[in-house]
Amino acid sequence: MKLSVILFVNACFSLLNAALFLISSRFFADLILVRGYNVLGFYGTEIIQLLAIGLLIFGLYTALIAFKIDKLIWHTRIIIMMDWSWVLATLALFIAVDVFSFKGMVYFGVVGAIVSAFAITQATQYRAAIAQNQAD
């Protein structure tokens, strides 16, 4: 799979989750978070909305890189690091705090696996693209 395609799929996945979280923040807060949990004074719906905004920004950034891959290929490394940061942060939350309901753990576990696959595939395709550029 070409690097630009996997970046675009990653962007679509992030934007889809952002849209769902923004449209149905109360539903997702009740479904995936432990009731009453707060982070710096933010509770369920607000946490989901903040997460949605972050996903929206990441998705738009990733889509931009996918469409401008020839000029901005080095940004792929940033996206890969951000994907791995998501996975590691999710694992840290699983271990350190009781923020997710069981359904939330399943949801974020599946998302973490998908994001890991994005990171691995992007890294592989990035290395191949750089090698091809150096060979040209």
C-alpha atoms as a PDB file:
ATOM      1  CA  MET A   1       0.000   0.000   0.000  1.00  0.00           C
ATOM      2  CA  LYS A   2       1.357   3.436  -0.902  1.00  0.00           C
ATOM      3  CA  LEU A   3       2.340   5.789   1.901  1.00  0.00           C
ATOM      4  CA  SER A   4      -0.134   8.461   0.810  1.00  0.00           C
ATOM      5  CA  VAL A   5      -2.979   5.913   0.852  1.00  0.00           C
ATOM      6  CA  ILE A   6      -2.237   4.614   4.353  1.00  0.00           C
ATOM      7  CA  LEU A   7      -1.908   8.191   5.638  1.00  0.00           C
ATOM      8  CA  PHE A   8      -5.254   9.050   4.073  1.00  0.00           C
ATOM      9  CA  VAL A   9      -6.909   5.973   5.625  1.00  0.00           C
ATOM     10  CA  ASN A  10      -5.411   6.965   8.993  1.00  0.00           C
ATOM     11  CA  ALA A  11      -6.799  10.482   8.536  1.00  0.00           C
ATOM     12  CA  CYS A  12     -10.268   9.153   7.650  1.00  0.00           C
ATOM     13  CA  PHE A  13     -10.256   6.855  10.679  1.00  0.00           C
ATOM     14  CA  SER A  14      -9.349   9.752  12.977  1.00  0.00           C
ATOM     15  CA  LEU A  15     -11.879  12.103  11.396  1.00  0.00           C
ATOM     16  CA  LEU A  16     -14.630   9.480  11.617  1.00  0.00           C
ATOM     17  CA  ASN A  17     -13.957   8.965  15.324  1.00  0.00           C
ATOM     18  CA  ALA A  18     -13.811  12.735  15.860  1.00  0.00           C
ATOM     19  CA  ALA A  19     -17.170  13.214  14.134  1.00  0.00           C
ATOM     20  CA  LEU A  20     -18.803  10.414  16.125  1.00  0.00           C
ATOM     21  CA  PHE A  21     -17.405  11.794  19.378  1.00  0.00           C
ATOM     22  CA  LEU A  22     -18.572  15.334  18.590  1.00  0.00           C
ATOM     23  CA  ILE A  23     -22.038  14.298  17.448  1.00  0.00           C
ATOM     24  CA  SER A  24     -22.642  11.818  20.271  1.00  0.00           C
ATOM     25  CA  SER A  25     -20.342  12.919  23.076  1.00  0.00           C
ATOM     26  CA  ARG A  26     -22.836  12.113  25.851  1.00  0.00           C
ATOM     27  CA  PHE A  27     -23.469   8.622  24.427  1.00  0.00           C
ATOM     28  CA  PHE A  28     -19.750   7.840  24.161  1.00  0.00           C
ATOM     29  CA  ALA A  29     -18.994   9.295  27.587  1.00  0.00           C
ATOM     30  CA  ASP A  30     -21.616   7.014  29.147  1.00  0.00           C
ATOM     31  CA  LEU A  31     -20.465   4.034  27.083  1.00  0.00           C
ATOM     32  CA  ILE A  32     -16.679   4.124  27.402  1.00  0.00           C
ATOM     33  CA  LEU A  33     -15.803   6.137  30.531  1.00  0.00           C
ATOM     34  CA  VAL A  34     -16.287   5.356  34.210  1.00  0.00           C
ATOM     35  CA  ARG A  35     -19.046   7.599  35.547  1.00  0.00           C
ATOM     36  CA  GLY A  36     -17.866  10.546  37.603  1.00  0.00           C
ATOM     37  CA  TYR A  37     -14.255  10.331  36.438  1.00  0.00           C
ATOM     38  CA  ASN A  38     -12.668  13.726  35.823  1.00  0.00           C
ATOM     39  CA  VAL A  39      -9.422  15.014  34.398  1.00  0.00           C
ATOM     40  CA  LEU A  40      -8.387  18.484  35.587  1.00  0.00           C
ATOM     41  CA  GLY A  41     -12.039  19.245  36.312  1.00  0.00           C
ATOM     42  CA  PHE A  42     -13.333  17.965  32.975  1.00  0.00           C
ATOM     43  CA  TYR A  43     -15.971  15.235  33.129  1.00  0.00           C
ATOM     44  CA  GLY A  44     -17.287  12.629  30.662  1.00  0.00           C
ATOM     45  CA  THR A  45     -18.838  14.648  27.860  1.00  0.00           C
ATOM     46  CA  GLU A  46     -16.156  17.329  28.039  1.00  0.00           C
ATOM     47  CA  ILE A  47     -13.381  14.712  27.957  1.00  0.00           C
ATOM     48  CA  ILE A  48     -14.920  13.120  24.850  1.00  0.00           C
ATOM     49  CA  GLN A  49     -15.303  16.541  23.187  1.00  0.00           C
ATOM     50  CA  LEU A  50     -11.652  17.418  23.902  1.00  0.00           C
ATOM     51  CA  LEU A  51     -10.585  14.046  22.553  1.00  0.00           C
ATOM     52  CA  ALA A  52     -12.689  14.712  19.440  1.00  0.00           C
ATOM     53  CA  ILE A  53     -11.012  18.079  18.874  1.00  0.00           C
ATOM     54  CA  GLY A  54      -7.585  16.449  19.135  1.00  0.00           C
ATOM     55  CA  LEU A  55      -8.615  13.722  16.685  1.00  0.00           C
ATOM     56  CA  LEU A  56     -10.027  16.341  14.313  1.00  0.00           C
ATOM     57  CA  ILE A  57      -6.761  18.301  14.301  1.00  0.00           C
ATOM     58  CA  PHE A  58      -4.699  15.121  13.879  1.00  0.00           C
ATOM     59  CA  GLY A  59      -6.969  13.856  11.086  1.00  0.00           C
ATOM     60  CA  LEU A  60      -6.798  17.120   9.148  1.00  0.00           C
ATOM     61  CA  TYR A  61      -3.008  17.294   9.573  1.00  0.00           C
ATOM     62  CA  THR A  62      -2.607  13.694   8.425  1.00  0.00           C
ATOM     63  CA  ALA A  63      -4.875  14.278   5.401  1.00  0.00           C
ATOM     64  CA  LEU A  64      -2.808  17.334   4.442  1.00  0.00           C
ATOM     65  CA  ILE A  65       0.371  15.273   4.550  1.00  0.00           C
ATOM     66  CA  ALA A  66      -1.265  12.487   2.520  1.00  0.00           C
ATOM     67  CA  PHE A  67      -2.218  14.958  -0.224  1.00  0.00           C
ATOM     68  CA  LYS A  68       1.148  16.770  -0.188  1.00  0.00           C
ATOM     69  CA  ILE A  69       3.320  13.701   0.360  1.00  0.00           C
ATOM     70  CA  ASP A  70       5.933  14.647  -2.262  1.00  0.00           C
ATOM     71  CA  LYS A  71       6.763  17.917  -0.494  1.00  0.00           C
ATOM     72  CA  LEU A  72       6.013  16.969   3.114  1.00  0.00           C
ATOM     73  CA  ILE A  73       7.131  13.333   3.366  1.00  0.00           C
ATOM     74  CA  TRP A  74       9.262  14.004   6.441  1.00  0.00           C
ATOM     75  CA  HIS A  75       6.056  14.844   8.373  1.00  0.00           C
ATOM     76  CA  THR A  76       5.247  11.152   8.194  1.00  0.00           C
ATOM     77  CA  ARG A  77       7.730  10.575  11.027  1.00  0.00           C
ATOM     78  CA  ILE A  78       5.747  12.984  13.202  1.00  0.00           C
ATOM     79  CA  ILE A  79       2.516  11.153  12.415  1.00  0.00           C
ATOM     80  CA  ILE A  80       4.136   7.802  13.233  1.00  0.00           C
ATOM     81  CA  MET A  81       5.345   9.188  16.578  1.00  0.00           C
ATOM     82  CA  MET A  82       1.873  10.574  17.294  1.00  0.00           C
ATOM     83  CA  ASP A  83       0.306   7.186  16.511  1.00  0.00           C
ATOM     84  CA  TRP A  84       2.703   5.390  18.859  1.00  0.00           C
ATOM     85  CA  SER A  85       2.061   8.079  21.494  1.00  0.00           C
ATOM     86  CA  TRP A  86      -1.668   7.299  21.266  1.00  0.00           C
ATOM     87  CA  VAL A  87      -0.989   3.585  21.757  1.00  0.00           C
ATOM     88  CA  LEU A  88       1.377   4.138  24.697  1.00  0.00           C
ATOM     89  CA  ALA A  89      -0.956   6.660  26.354  1.00  0.00           C
ATOM     90  CA  THR A  90      -3.836   4.208  26.044  1.00  0.00           C
ATOM     91  CA  LEU A  91      -1.751   1.459  27.647  1.00  0.00           C
ATOM     92  CA  ALA A  92      -0.681   3.829  30.429  1.00  0.00           C
ATOM     93  CA  LEU A  93      -4.308   4.721  31.120  1.00  0.00           C
ATOM     94  CA  PHE A  94      -5.267   1.028  31.160  1.00  0.00           C
ATOM     95  CA  ILE A  95      -2.570   0.357  33.751  1.00  0.00           C
ATOM     96  CA  ALA A  96      -2.529   3.509  35.873  1.00  0.00           C
ATOM     97  CA  VAL A  97      -6.102   4.729  36.252  1.00  0.00           C
ATOM     98  CA  ASP A  98      -9.636   3.432  36.270  1.00  0.00           C
ATOM     99  CA  VAL A  99     -11.020   5.731  33.576  1.00  0.00           C
ATOM    100  CA  PHE A 100     -12.523   3.267  31.087  1.00  0.00           C
ATOM    101  CA  SER A 101     -15.566   1.065  31.459  1.00  0.00           C
ATOM    102  CA  PHE A 102     -15.207  -2.499  30.188  1.00  0.00           C
ATOM    103  CA  LYS A 103     -16.703  -1.403  26.852  1.00  0.00           C
ATOM    104  CA  GLY A 104     -14.271   1.506  26.830  1.00  0.00           C
ATOM    105  CA  MET A 105     -11.339  -0.850  27.350  1.00  0.00           C
ATOM    106  CA  VAL A 106     -12.525  -3.003  24.455  1.00  0.00           C
ATOM    107  CA  TYR A 107     -13.103   0.055  22.250  1.00  0.00           C
ATOM    108  CA  PHE A 108      -9.724   1.650  22.990  1.00  0.00           C
ATOM    109  CA  GLY A 109      -7.986  -1.721  22.782  1.00  0.00           C
ATOM    110  CA  VAL A 110      -9.331  -2.218  19.255  1.00  0.00           C
ATOM    111  CA  VAL A 111      -8.496   1.378  18.322  1.00  0.00           C
ATOM    112  CA  GLY A 112      -4.997   0.900  19.746  1.00  0.00           C
ATOM    113  CA  ALA A 113      -4.493  -2.200  17.597  1.00  0.00           C
ATOM    114  CA  ILE A 114      -5.674  -0.322  14.493  1.00  0.00           C
ATOM    115  CA  VAL A 115      -3.446   2.660  15.265  1.00  0.00           C
ATOM    116  CA  SER A 116      -0.487   0.295  15.822  1.00  0.00           C
ATOM    117  CA  ALA A 117      -1.128  -1.194  12.388  1.00  0.00           C
ATOM    118  CA  PHE A 118      -1.181   2.320  10.904  1.00  0.00           C
ATOM    119  CA  ALA A 119       2.130   3.178  12.589  1.00  0.00           C
ATOM    120  CA  ILE A 120       3.844  -0.016  11.456  1.00  0.00           C
ATOM    121  CA  THR A 121       2.569   0.249   7.885  1.00  0.00           C
ATOM    122  CA  GLN A 122       3.427   3.951   7.664  1.00  0.00           C
ATOM    123  CA  ALA A 123       6.947   3.323   8.975  1.00  0.00           C
ATOM    124  CA  THR A 124       7.488   0.523   6.455  1.00  0.00           C
ATOM    125  CA  GLN A 125       6.183   2.621   3.563  1.00  0.00           C
ATOM    126  CA  TYR A 126       8.127   5.688   4.725  1.00  0.00           C
ATOM    127  CA  ARG A 127      11.395   3.742   4.708  1.00  0.00           C
ATOM    128  CA  ALA A 128      10.583   2.361   1.247  1.00  0.00           C
ATOM    129  CA  ALA A 129       9.770   5.851  -0.086  1.00  0.00           C
ATOM    130  CA  ILE A 130      12.974   7.333   1.329  1.00  0.00           C
ATOM    131  CA  ALA A 131      15.021   4.473  -0.135  1.00  0.00           C
ATOM    132  CA  GLN A 132      13.342   5.004  -3.522  1.00  0.00           C
ATOM    133  CA  ASN A 133      14.034   8.757  -3.390  1.00  0.00           C
ATOM    134  CA  GLN A 134      17.699   8.121  -2.595  1.00  0.00           C
ATOM    135  CA  ALA A 135      17.948   5.603  -5.438  1.00  0.00           C
ATOM    136  CA  ASP A 136      16.545   8.123  -7.954  1.00  0.00           C
END
